[in-house]
Amino acid sequence: ALAAGHELIAGVVGWTDLTRPDVADELARLRELPGGRYLKGI
């Protein structure tokens, strides 16, 4: 959300629990959030 609201931030390297069984679904969910297109790495 910060990235979506500020022109300086061009990308985000975020965190999610890599060991969770549904990690692929969680990454997809993050991509759908406001500013989700700024997610570039974990």
PDB file of all heavy atoms in Angstrom:
ATOM      1  N   ALA A   1       0.827  -1.207   0.000  1.00  0.00           N
ATOM      2  CA  ALA A   1       0.000   0.000   0.000  1.00  0.00           C
ATOM      3  C   ALA A   1       0.860   1.255   0.000  1.00  0.00           C
ATOM      4  O   ALA A   1       0.522   2.248  -0.672  1.00  0.00           O
ATOM      5  CB  ALA A   1      -0.934  -0.005   1.206  1.00  0.00           C
ATOM      6  N   LEU A   2       1.968   1.241   0.746  1.00  0.00           N
ATOM      7  CA  LEU A   2       2.895   2.375   0.726  1.00  0.00           C
ATOM      8  C   LEU A   2       3.433   2.610  -0.673  1.00  0.00           C
ATOM      9  O   LEU A   2       3.523   3.753  -1.142  1.00  0.00           O
ATOM     10  CB  LEU A   2       4.060   2.131   1.686  1.00  0.00           C
ATOM     11  CG  LEU A   2       3.834   2.342   3.173  1.00  0.00           C
ATOM     12  CD1 LEU A   2       5.099   1.971   3.948  1.00  0.00           C
ATOM     13  CD2 LEU A   2       3.455   3.798   3.465  1.00  0.00           C
ATOM     14  N   ALA A   3       3.813   1.532  -1.352  1.00  0.00           N
ATOM     15  CA  ALA A   3       4.358   1.664  -2.704  1.00  0.00           C
ATOM     16  C   ALA A   3       3.327   2.240  -3.661  1.00  0.00           C
ATOM     17  O   ALA A   3       3.652   3.074  -4.522  1.00  0.00           O
ATOM     18  CB  ALA A   3       4.844   0.306  -3.203  1.00  0.00           C
ATOM     19  N   ALA A   4       2.084   1.811  -3.499  1.00  0.00           N
ATOM     20  CA  ALA A   4       1.027   2.316  -4.368  1.00  0.00           C
ATOM     21  C   ALA A   4       0.778   3.798  -4.153  1.00  0.00           C
ATOM     22  O   ALA A   4       0.311   4.500  -5.059  1.00  0.00           O
ATOM     23  CB  ALA A   4      -0.258   1.533  -4.136  1.00  0.00           C
ATOM     24  N   GLY A   5       1.118   4.283  -2.965  1.00  0.00           N
ATOM     25  CA  GLY A   5       0.835   5.678  -2.646  1.00  0.00           C
ATOM     26  C   GLY A   5       2.010   6.617  -2.753  1.00  0.00           C
ATOM     27  O   GLY A   5       1.878   7.801  -2.429  1.00  0.00           O
ATOM     28  N   HIS A   6       3.168   6.113  -3.201  1.00  0.00           N
ATOM     29  CA  HIS A   6       4.341   6.978  -3.265  1.00  0.00           C
ATOM     30  C   HIS A   6       5.162   6.665  -4.510  1.00  0.00           C
ATOM     31  O   HIS A   6       5.574   5.519  -4.714  1.00  0.00           O
ATOM     32  CB  HIS A   6       5.208   6.811  -2.017  1.00  0.00           C
ATOM     33  CG  HIS A   6       6.063   8.014  -1.741  1.00  0.00           C
ATOM     34  ND1 HIS A   6       7.137   8.353  -2.526  1.00  0.00           N
ATOM     35  CD2 HIS A   6       5.989   8.975  -0.781  1.00  0.00           C
ATOM     36  CE1 HIS A   6       7.704   9.458  -2.064  1.00  0.00           C
ATOM     37  NE2 HIS A   6       7.007   9.855  -1.005  1.00  0.00           N
ATOM     38  N   GLU A   7       5.406   7.683  -5.319  1.00  0.00           N
ATOM     39  CA  GLU A   7       6.078   7.470  -6.605  1.00  0.00           C
ATOM     40  C   GLU A   7       7.531   7.033  -6.464  1.00  0.00           C
ATOM     41  O   GLU A   7       8.107   6.471  -7.399  1.00  0.00           O
ATOM     42  CB  GLU A   7       6.031   8.754  -7.440  1.00  0.00           C
ATOM     43  CG  GLU A   7       6.756   9.927  -6.789  1.00  0.00           C
ATOM     44  CD  GLU A   7       6.675  11.187  -7.641  1.00  0.00           C
ATOM     45  OE1 GLU A   7       6.013  11.150  -8.692  1.00  0.00           O
ATOM     46  OE2 GLU A   7       7.290  12.194  -7.248  1.00  0.00           O
ATOM     47  N   LEU A   8       8.144   7.245  -5.301  1.00  0.00           N
ATOM     48  CA  LEU A   8       9.551   6.890  -5.138  1.00  0.00           C
ATOM     49  C   LEU A   8       9.745   5.378  -5.087  1.00  0.00           C
ATOM     50  O   LEU A   8      10.719   4.846  -5.631  1.00  0.00           O
ATOM     51  CB  LEU A   8      10.096   7.526  -3.855  1.00  0.00           C
ATOM     52  CG  LEU A   8      11.583   7.307  -3.562  1.00  0.00           C
ATOM     53  CD1 LEU A   8      12.453   7.989  -4.606  1.00  0.00           C
ATOM     54  CD2 LEU A   8      11.929   7.829  -2.166  1.00  0.00           C
ATOM     55  N   ILE A   9       8.832   4.655  -4.428  1.00  0.00           N
ATOM     56  CA  ILE A   9       8.982   3.211  -4.233  1.00  0.00           C
ATOM     57  C   ILE A   9       8.497   2.484  -5.482  1.00  0.00           C
ATOM     58  O   ILE A   9       7.324   2.520  -5.828  1.00  0.00           O
ATOM     59  CB  ILE A   9       8.204   2.749  -2.997  1.00  0.00           C
ATOM     60  CG1 ILE A   9       8.697   3.471  -1.742  1.00  0.00           C
ATOM     61  CG2 ILE A   9       8.353   1.229  -2.817  1.00  0.00           C
ATOM     62  CD1 ILE A   9       7.858   3.201  -0.513  1.00  0.00           C
ATOM     63  N   ALA A  10       9.440   1.797  -6.139  1.00  0.00           N
ATOM     64  CA  ALA A  10       9.116   1.118  -7.392  1.00  0.00           C
ATOM     65  C   ALA A  10       8.901  -0.374  -7.209  1.00  0.00           C
ATOM     66  O   ALA A  10       8.428  -1.048  -8.124  1.00  0.00           O
ATOM     67  CB  ALA A  10      10.236   1.354  -8.406  1.00  0.00           C
ATOM     68  N   GLY A  11       9.256  -0.899  -6.053  1.00  0.00           N
ATOM     69  CA  GLY A  11       9.090  -2.322  -5.821  1.00  0.00           C
ATOM     70  C   GLY A  11       9.189  -2.658  -4.348  1.00  0.00           C
ATOM     71  O   GLY A  11       9.724  -1.877  -3.557  1.00  0.00           O
ATOM     72  N   VAL A  12       8.660  -3.831  -3.991  1.00  0.00           N
ATOM     73  CA  VAL A  12       8.670  -4.309  -2.609  1.00  0.00           C
ATOM     74  C   VAL A  12       9.196  -5.737  -2.579  1.00  0.00           C
ATOM     75  O   VAL A  12       8.780  -6.584  -3.393  1.00  0.00           O
ATOM     76  CB  VAL A  12       7.248  -4.271  -1.996  1.00  0.00           C
ATOM     77  CG1 VAL A  12       7.206  -4.995  -0.652  1.00  0.00           C
ATOM     78  CG2 VAL A  12       6.768  -2.831  -1.854  1.00  0.00           C
ATOM     79  N   VAL A  13      10.124  -5.997  -1.676  1.00  0.00           N
ATOM     80  CA  VAL A  13      10.518  -7.360  -1.331  1.00  0.00           C
ATOM     81  C   VAL A  13       9.869  -7.666   0.017  1.00  0.00           C
ATOM     82  O   VAL A  13      10.252  -7.092   1.040  1.00  0.00           O
ATOM     83  CB  VAL A  13      12.048  -7.510  -1.245  1.00  0.00           C
ATOM     84  CG1 VAL A  13      12.424  -8.922  -0.759  1.00  0.00           C
ATOM     85  CG2 VAL A  13      12.690  -7.236  -2.598  1.00  0.00           C
ATOM     86  N   GLY A  14       8.878  -8.507  -0.001  1.00  0.00           N
ATOM     87  CA  GLY A  14       8.082  -8.760   1.196  1.00  0.00           C
ATOM     88  C   GLY A  14       8.441 -10.068   1.869  1.00  0.00           C
ATOM     89  O   GLY A  14       9.449 -10.712   1.554  1.00  0.00           O
ATOM     90  N   TRP A  15       7.593 -10.453   2.834  1.00  0.00           N
ATOM     91  CA  TRP A  15       7.777 -11.718   3.551  1.00  0.00           C
ATOM     92  C   TRP A  15       6.488 -12.502   3.536  1.00  0.00           C
ATOM     93  O   TRP A  15       5.395 -11.934   3.617  1.00  0.00           O
ATOM     94  CB  TRP A  15       8.176 -11.469   5.007  1.00  0.00           C
ATOM     95  CG  TRP A  15       8.342 -12.759   5.783  1.00  0.00           C
ATOM     96  CD1 TRP A  15       9.465 -13.528   5.839  1.00  0.00           C
ATOM     97  CD2 TRP A  15       7.348 -13.426   6.566  1.00  0.00           C
ATOM     98  NE1 TRP A  15       9.235 -14.644   6.619  1.00  0.00           N
ATOM     99  CE2 TRP A  15       7.944 -14.614   7.087  1.00  0.00           C
ATOM    100  CE3 TRP A  15       6.020 -13.161   6.881  1.00  0.00           C
ATOM    101  CZ2 TRP A  15       7.255 -15.514   7.893  1.00  0.00           C
ATOM    102  CZ3 TRP A  15       5.321 -14.057   7.694  1.00  0.00           C
ATOM    103  CH2 TRP A  15       5.939 -15.217   8.190  1.00  0.00           C
ATOM    104  N   THR A  16       6.637 -13.798   3.393  1.00  0.00           N
ATOM    105  CA  THR A  16       5.564 -14.727   3.701  1.00  0.00           C
ATOM    106  C   THR A  16       6.208 -16.010   4.178  1.00  0.00           C
ATOM    107  O   THR A  16       7.396 -16.254   3.912  1.00  0.00           O
ATOM    108  CB  THR A  16       4.641 -14.982   2.493  1.00  0.00           C
ATOM    109  OG1 THR A  16       3.442 -15.618   2.926  1.00  0.00           O
ATOM    110  CG2 THR A  16       5.319 -15.842   1.435  1.00  0.00           C
ATOM    111  N   ASP A  17       5.465 -16.821   4.884  1.00  0.00           N
ATOM    112  CA  ASP A  17       5.990 -18.066   5.428  1.00  0.00           C
ATOM    113  C   ASP A  17       6.150 -19.078   4.295  1.00  0.00           C
ATOM    114  O   ASP A  17       5.168 -19.619   3.783  1.00  0.00           O
ATOM    115  CB  ASP A  17       5.047 -18.595   6.507  1.00  0.00           C
ATOM    116  CG  ASP A  17       5.543 -19.876   7.156  1.00  0.00           C
ATOM    117  OD1 ASP A  17       6.622 -20.372   6.766  1.00  0.00           O
ATOM    118  OD2 ASP A  17       4.836 -20.368   8.061  1.00  0.00           O
ATOM    119  N   LEU A  18       7.387 -19.338   3.905  1.00  0.00           N
ATOM    120  CA  LEU A  18       7.643 -20.259   2.807  1.00  0.00           C
ATOM    121  C   LEU A  18       7.214 -21.685   3.118  1.00  0.00           C
ATOM    122  O   LEU A  18       6.999 -22.489   2.199  1.00  0.00           O
ATOM    123  CB  LEU A  18       9.131 -20.259   2.459  1.00  0.00           C
ATOM    124  CG  LEU A  18       9.708 -18.984   1.853  1.00  0.00           C
ATOM    125  CD1 LEU A  18      11.214 -19.140   1.631  1.00  0.00           C
ATOM    126  CD2 LEU A  18       9.021 -18.633   0.545  1.00  0.00           C
ATOM    127  N   THR A  19       7.096 -22.005   4.394  1.00  0.00           N
ATOM    128  CA  THR A  19       6.792 -23.387   4.771  1.00  0.00           C
ATOM    129  C   THR A  19       5.289 -23.678   4.840  1.00  0.00           C
ATOM    130  O   THR A  19       4.911 -24.833   5.034  1.00  0.00           O
ATOM    131  CB  THR A  19       7.430 -23.737   6.132  1.00  0.00           C
ATOM    132  OG1 THR A  19       6.789 -22.985   7.173  1.00  0.00           O
ATOM    133  CG2 THR A  19       8.922 -23.412   6.132  1.00  0.00           C
ATOM    134  N   ARG A  20       4.456 -22.662   4.676  1.00  0.00           N
ATOM    135  CA  ARG A  20       3.011 -22.911   4.763  1.00  0.00           C
ATOM    136  C   ARG A  20       2.562 -23.720   3.540  1.00  0.00           C
ATOM    137  O   ARG A  20       3.030 -23.485   2.408  1.00  0.00           O
ATOM    138  CB  ARG A  20       2.228 -21.611   4.882  1.00  0.00           C
ATOM    139  CG  ARG A  20       2.435 -20.626   3.775  1.00  0.00           C
ATOM    140  CD  ARG A  20       1.743 -19.305   4.054  1.00  0.00           C
ATOM    141  NE  ARG A  20       0.291 -19.411   4.022  1.00  0.00           N
ATOM    142  CZ  ARG A  20      -0.536 -18.440   4.413  1.00  0.00           C
ATOM    143  NH1 ARG A  20      -0.047 -17.285   4.860  1.00  0.00           N
ATOM    144  NH2 ARG A  20      -1.842 -18.606   4.346  1.00  0.00           N
ATOM    145  N   PRO A  21       1.662 -24.669   3.717  1.00  0.00           N
ATOM    146  CA  PRO A  21       1.255 -25.531   2.597  1.00  0.00           C
ATOM    147  C   PRO A  21       0.632 -24.765   1.436  1.00  0.00           C
ATOM    148  O   PRO A  21       0.743 -25.193   0.284  1.00  0.00           O
ATOM    149  CB  PRO A  21       0.236 -26.490   3.239  1.00  0.00           C
ATOM    150  CG  PRO A  21       0.546 -26.464   4.693  1.00  0.00           C
ATOM    151  CD  PRO A  21       1.040 -25.076   4.984  1.00  0.00           C
ATOM    152  N   ASP A  22      -0.018 -23.651   1.731  1.00  0.00           N
ATOM    153  CA  ASP A  22      -0.707 -22.884   0.687  1.00  0.00           C
ATOM    154  C   ASP A  22       0.079 -21.651   0.273  1.00  0.00           C
ATOM    155  O   ASP A  22      -0.500 -20.619  -0.083  1.00  0.00           O
ATOM    156  CB  ASP A  22      -2.091 -22.473   1.171  1.00  0.00           C
ATOM    157  CG  ASP A  22      -2.037 -21.548   2.396  1.00  0.00           C
ATOM    158  OD1 ASP A  22      -0.974 -21.490   3.060  1.00  0.00           O
ATOM    159  OD2 ASP A  22      -3.048 -20.880   2.679  1.00  0.00           O
ATOM    160  N   VAL A  23       1.401 -21.737   0.276  1.00  0.00           N
ATOM    161  CA  VAL A  23       2.216 -20.557  -0.007  1.00  0.00           C
ATOM    162  C   VAL A  23       1.927 -19.997  -1.397  1.00  0.00           C
ATOM    163  O   VAL A  23       1.926 -18.776  -1.595  1.00  0.00           O
ATOM    164  CB  VAL A  23       3.721 -20.861   0.186  1.00  0.00           C
ATOM    165  CG1 VAL A  23       4.204 -21.945  -0.758  1.00  0.00           C
ATOM    166  CG2 VAL A  23       4.551 -19.601   0.032  1.00  0.00           C
ATOM    167  N   ALA A  24       1.662 -20.846  -2.372  1.00  0.00           N
ATOM    168  CA  ALA A  24       1.356 -20.355  -3.723  1.00  0.00           C
ATOM    169  C   ALA A  24       0.087 -19.509  -3.715  1.00  0.00           C
ATOM    170  O   ALA A  24       0.024 -18.445  -4.356  1.00  0.00           O
ATOM    171  CB  ALA A  24       1.216 -21.521  -4.693  1.00  0.00           C
ATOM    172  N   ASP A  25      -0.921 -19.962  -2.993  1.00  0.00           N
ATOM    173  CA  ASP A  25      -2.165 -19.196  -2.885  1.00  0.00           C
ATOM    174  C   ASP A  25      -1.930 -17.872  -2.169  1.00  0.00           C
ATOM    175  O   ASP A  25      -2.525 -16.847  -2.524  1.00  0.00           O
ATOM    176  CB  ASP A  25      -3.226 -19.996  -2.132  1.00  0.00           C
ATOM    177  CG  ASP A  25      -3.696 -21.221  -2.908  1.00  0.00           C
ATOM    178  OD1 ASP A  25      -3.536 -21.236  -4.145  1.00  0.00           O
ATOM    179  OD2 ASP A  25      -4.211 -22.156  -2.260  1.00  0.00           O
ATOM    180  N   GLU A  26      -1.062 -17.889  -1.148  1.00  0.00           N
ATOM    181  CA  GLU A  26      -0.779 -16.661  -0.405  1.00  0.00           C
ATOM    182  C   GLU A  26      -0.061 -15.646  -1.289  1.00  0.00           C
ATOM    183  O   GLU A  26      -0.362 -14.448  -1.241  1.00  0.00           O
ATOM    184  CB  GLU A  26       0.047 -16.981   0.835  1.00  0.00           C
ATOM    185  CG  GLU A  26       0.477 -15.760   1.644  1.00  0.00           C
ATOM    186  CD  GLU A  26      -0.680 -14.937   2.187  1.00  0.00           C
ATOM    187  OE1 GLU A  26      -1.838 -15.411   2.153  1.00  0.00           O
ATOM    188  OE2 GLU A  26      -0.417 -13.815   2.671  1.00  0.00           O
ATOM    189  N   LEU A  27       0.860 -16.093  -2.094  1.00  0.00           N
ATOM    190  CA  LEU A  27       1.542 -15.178  -3.015  1.00  0.00           C
ATOM    191  C   LEU A  27       0.549 -14.578  -4.014  1.00  0.00           C
ATOM    192  O   LEU A  27       0.609 -13.383  -4.317  1.00  0.00           O
ATOM    193  CB  LEU A  27       2.663 -15.911  -3.754  1.00  0.00           C
ATOM    194  CG  LEU A  27       3.846 -16.345  -2.889  1.00  0.00           C
ATOM    195  CD1 LEU A  27       4.797 -17.223  -3.704  1.00  0.00           C
ATOM    196  CD2 LEU A  27       4.592 -15.144  -2.324  1.00  0.00           C
ATOM    197  N   ALA A  28      -0.365 -15.396  -4.491  1.00  0.00           N
ATOM    198  CA  ALA A  28      -1.394 -14.892  -5.404  1.00  0.00           C
ATOM    199  C   ALA A  28      -2.291 -13.878  -4.709  1.00  0.00           C
ATOM    200  O   ALA A  28      -2.683 -12.866  -5.313  1.00  0.00           O
ATOM    201  CB  ALA A  28      -2.215 -16.063  -5.947  1.00  0.00           C
ATOM    202  N   ARG A  29      -2.614 -14.140  -3.449  1.00  0.00           N
ATOM    203  CA  ARG A  29      -3.454 -13.203  -2.688  1.00  0.00           C
ATOM    204  C   ARG A  29      -2.752 -11.859  -2.530  1.00  0.00           C
ATOM    205  O   ARG A  29      -3.369 -10.799  -2.701  1.00  0.00           O
ATOM    206  CB  ARG A  29      -3.787 -13.787  -1.317  1.00  0.00           C
ATOM    207  CG  ARG A  29      -4.751 -12.936  -0.487  1.00  0.00           C
ATOM    208  CD  ARG A  29      -4.875 -13.452   0.932  1.00  0.00           C
ATOM    209  NE  ARG A  29      -3.696 -13.153   1.727  1.00  0.00           N
ATOM    210  CZ  ARG A  29      -3.473 -11.986   2.344  1.00  0.00           C
ATOM    211  NH1 ARG A  29      -4.360 -10.984   2.235  1.00  0.00           N
ATOM    212  NH2 ARG A  29      -2.386 -11.800   3.059  1.00  0.00           N
ATOM    213  N   LEU A  30      -1.471 -11.895  -2.207  1.00  0.00           N
ATOM    214  CA  LEU A  30      -0.719 -10.650  -2.059  1.00  0.00           C
ATOM    215  C   LEU A  30      -0.721  -9.862  -3.358  1.00  0.00           C
ATOM    216  O   LEU A  30      -0.816  -8.628  -3.350  1.00  0.00           O
ATOM    217  CB  LEU A  30       0.721 -10.954  -1.622  1.00  0.00           C
ATOM    218  CG  LEU A  30       0.899 -11.472  -0.196  1.00  0.00           C
ATOM    219  CD1 LEU A  30       2.324 -11.965   0.019  1.00  0.00           C
ATOM    220  CD2 LEU A  30       0.558 -10.388   0.831  1.00  0.00           C
ATOM    221  N   ARG A  31      -0.630 -10.549  -4.480  1.00  0.00           N
ATOM    222  CA  ARG A  31      -0.624  -9.884  -5.777  1.00  0.00           C
ATOM    223  C   ARG A  31      -1.949  -9.177  -6.073  1.00  0.00           C
ATOM    224  O   ARG A  31      -1.995  -8.235  -6.870  1.00  0.00           O
ATOM    225  CB  ARG A  31      -0.348 -10.908  -6.890  1.00  0.00           C
ATOM    226  CG  ARG A  31       1.099 -11.395  -7.007  1.00  0.00           C
ATOM    227  CD  ARG A  31       2.083 -10.338  -7.212  1.00  0.00           C
ATOM    228  NE  ARG A  31       3.025 -10.320  -8.261  1.00  0.00           N
ATOM    229  CZ  ARG A  31       3.597 -11.270  -8.955  1.00  0.00           C
ATOM    230  NH1 ARG A  31       3.253 -12.512  -8.836  1.00  0.00           N
ATOM    231  NH2 ARG A  31       4.519 -11.004  -9.827  1.00  0.00           N
ATOM    232  N   GLU A  32      -3.022  -9.644  -5.437  1.00  0.00           N
ATOM    233  CA  GLU A  32      -4.341  -9.069  -5.684  1.00  0.00           C
ATOM    234  C   GLU A  32      -4.671  -7.911  -4.749  1.00  0.00           C
ATOM    235  O   GLU A  32      -5.679  -7.229  -4.938  1.00  0.00           O
ATOM    236  CB  GLU A  32      -5.415 -10.160  -5.541  1.00  0.00           C
ATOM    237  CG  GLU A  32      -5.347 -11.245  -6.603  1.00  0.00           C
ATOM    238  CD  GLU A  32      -5.504 -10.679  -8.009  1.00  0.00           C
ATOM    239  OE1 GLU A  32      -6.389  -9.828  -8.202  1.00  0.00           O
ATOM    240  OE2 GLU A  32      -4.749 -11.091  -8.900  1.00  0.00           O
ATOM    241  N   LEU A  33      -3.841  -7.665  -3.751  1.00  0.00           N
ATOM    242  CA  LEU A  33      -4.081  -6.590  -2.794  1.00  0.00           C
ATOM    243  C   LEU A  33      -3.800  -5.228  -3.415  1.00  0.00           C
ATOM    244  O   LEU A  33      -3.131  -5.134  -4.456  1.00  0.00           O
ATOM    245  CB  LEU A  33      -3.185  -6.782  -1.568  1.00  0.00           C
ATOM    246  CG  LEU A  33      -3.454  -7.999  -0.690  1.00  0.00           C
ATOM    247  CD1 LEU A  33      -2.399  -8.081   0.405  1.00  0.00           C
ATOM    248  CD2 LEU A  33      -4.847  -7.927  -0.084  1.00  0.00           C
ATOM    249  N   PRO A  34      -4.274  -4.135  -2.801  1.00  0.00           N
ATOM    250  CA  PRO A  34      -3.885  -2.803  -3.268  1.00  0.00           C
ATOM    251  C   PRO A  34      -2.367  -2.670  -3.290  1.00  0.00           C
ATOM    252  O   PRO A  34      -1.694  -2.934  -2.293  1.00  0.00           O
ATOM    253  CB  PRO A  34      -4.514  -1.874  -2.227  1.00  0.00           C
ATOM    254  CG  PRO A  34      -5.697  -2.639  -1.709  1.00  0.00           C
ATOM    255  CD  PRO A  34      -5.263  -4.076  -1.695  1.00  0.00           C
ATOM    256  N   GLY A  35      -1.837  -2.304  -4.441  1.00  0.00           N
ATOM    257  CA  GLY A  35      -0.391  -2.215  -4.597  1.00  0.00           C
ATOM    258  C   GLY A  35       0.273  -3.542  -4.884  1.00  0.00           C
ATOM    259  O   GLY A  35       1.511  -3.622  -4.917  1.00  0.00           O
ATOM    260  N   GLY A  36      -0.505  -4.592  -5.100  1.00  0.00           N
ATOM    261  CA  GLY A  36       0.056  -5.918  -5.295  1.00  0.00           C
ATOM    262  C   GLY A  36       1.015  -6.026  -6.463  1.00  0.00           C
ATOM    263  O   GLY A  36       1.922  -6.860  -6.456  1.00  0.00           O
ATOM    264  N   ARG A  37       0.852  -5.169  -7.442  1.00  0.00           N
ATOM    265  CA  ARG A  37       1.753  -5.223  -8.600  1.00  0.00           C
ATOM    266  C   ARG A  37       3.176  -4.802  -8.241  1.00  0.00           C
ATOM    267  O   ARG A  37       4.106  -5.026  -9.021  1.00  0.00           O
ATOM    268  CB  ARG A  37       1.211  -4.340  -9.726  1.00  0.00           C
ATOM    269  CG  ARG A  37       1.213  -2.846  -9.427  1.00  0.00           C
ATOM    270  CD  ARG A  37       0.507  -2.073 -10.529  1.00  0.00           C
ATOM    271  NE  ARG A  37       0.484  -0.641 -10.295  1.00  0.00           N
ATOM    272  CZ  ARG A  37       1.428   0.187 -10.719  1.00  0.00           C
ATOM    273  NH1 ARG A  37       2.478  -0.256 -11.397  1.00  0.00           N
ATOM    274  NH2 ARG A  37       1.333   1.489 -10.477  1.00  0.00           N
ATOM    275  N   TYR A  38       3.348  -4.194  -7.079  1.00  0.00           N
ATOM    276  CA  TYR A  38       4.689  -3.779  -6.652  1.00  0.00           C
ATOM    277  C   TYR A  38       5.470  -4.913  -5.970  1.00  0.00           C
ATOM    278  O   TYR A  38       6.652  -4.737  -5.672  1.00  0.00           O
ATOM    279  CB  TYR A  38       4.600  -2.584  -5.698  1.00  0.00           C
ATOM    280  CG  TYR A  38       4.153  -1.321  -6.370  1.00  0.00           C
ATOM    281  CD1 TYR A  38       2.814  -0.941  -6.356  1.00  0.00           C
ATOM    282  CD2 TYR A  38       5.067  -0.504  -7.037  1.00  0.00           C
ATOM    283  CE1 TYR A  38       2.390   0.221  -6.988  1.00  0.00           C
ATOM    284  CE2 TYR A  38       4.653   0.660  -7.670  1.00  0.00           C
ATOM    285  CZ  TYR A  38       3.313   1.021  -7.645  1.00  0.00           C
ATOM    286  OH  TYR A  38       2.905   2.166  -8.274  1.00  0.00           O
ATOM    287  N   LEU A  39       4.819  -6.034  -5.722  1.00  0.00           N
ATOM    288  CA  LEU A  39       5.532  -7.158  -5.105  1.00  0.00           C
ATOM    289  C   LEU A  39       6.498  -7.753  -6.113  1.00  0.00           C
ATOM    290  O   LEU A  39       6.097  -8.278  -7.155  1.00  0.00           O
ATOM    291  CB  LEU A  39       4.543  -8.225  -4.621  1.00  0.00           C
ATOM    292  CG  LEU A  39       5.176  -9.395  -3.861  1.00  0.00           C
ATOM    293  CD1 LEU A  39       5.786  -8.919  -2.544  1.00  0.00           C
ATOM    294  CD2 LEU A  39       4.140 -10.491  -3.602  1.00  0.00           C
ATOM    295  N   LYS A  40       7.768  -7.697  -5.813  1.00  0.00           N
ATOM    296  CA  LYS A  40       8.811  -8.146  -6.735  1.00  0.00           C
ATOM    297  C   LYS A  40       9.617  -9.322  -6.204  1.00  0.00           C
ATOM    298  O   LYS A  40      10.270 -10.026  -6.974  1.00  0.00           O
ATOM    299  CB  LYS A  40       9.774  -6.987  -7.047  1.00  0.00           C
ATOM    300  CG  LYS A  40       9.090  -5.736  -7.567  1.00  0.00           C
ATOM    301  CD  LYS A  40       8.369  -5.992  -8.876  1.00  0.00           C
ATOM    302  CE  LYS A  40       7.731  -4.709  -9.432  1.00  0.00           C
ATOM    303  NZ  LYS A  40       7.019  -4.954 -10.703  1.00  0.00           N
ATOM    304  N   GLY A  41       9.618  -9.510  -4.883  1.00  0.00           N
ATOM    305  CA  GLY A  41      10.419 -10.582  -4.315  1.00  0.00           C
ATOM    306  C   GLY A  41       9.976 -10.914  -2.911  1.00  0.00           C
ATOM    307  O   GLY A  41       9.144 -10.225  -2.313  1.00  0.00           O
ATOM    308  N   ILE A  42      10.565 -11.989  -2.379  1.00  0.00           N
ATOM    309  CA  ILE A  42      10.290 -12.463  -1.025  1.00  0.00           C
ATOM    310  C   ILE A  42      11.627 -12.609  -0.303  1.00  0.00           C
ATOM    311  O   ILE A  42      12.649 -12.964  -0.909  1.00  0.00           O
ATOM    312  CB  ILE A  42       9.548 -13.817  -1.052  1.00  0.00           C
ATOM    313  CG1 ILE A  42       8.166 -13.659  -1.698  1.00  0.00           C
ATOM    314  CG2 ILE A  42       9.421 -14.409   0.343  1.00  0.00           C
ATOM    315  CD1 ILE A  42       7.198 -12.760  -0.942  1.00  0.00           C
TER     316      ILE A  42
END
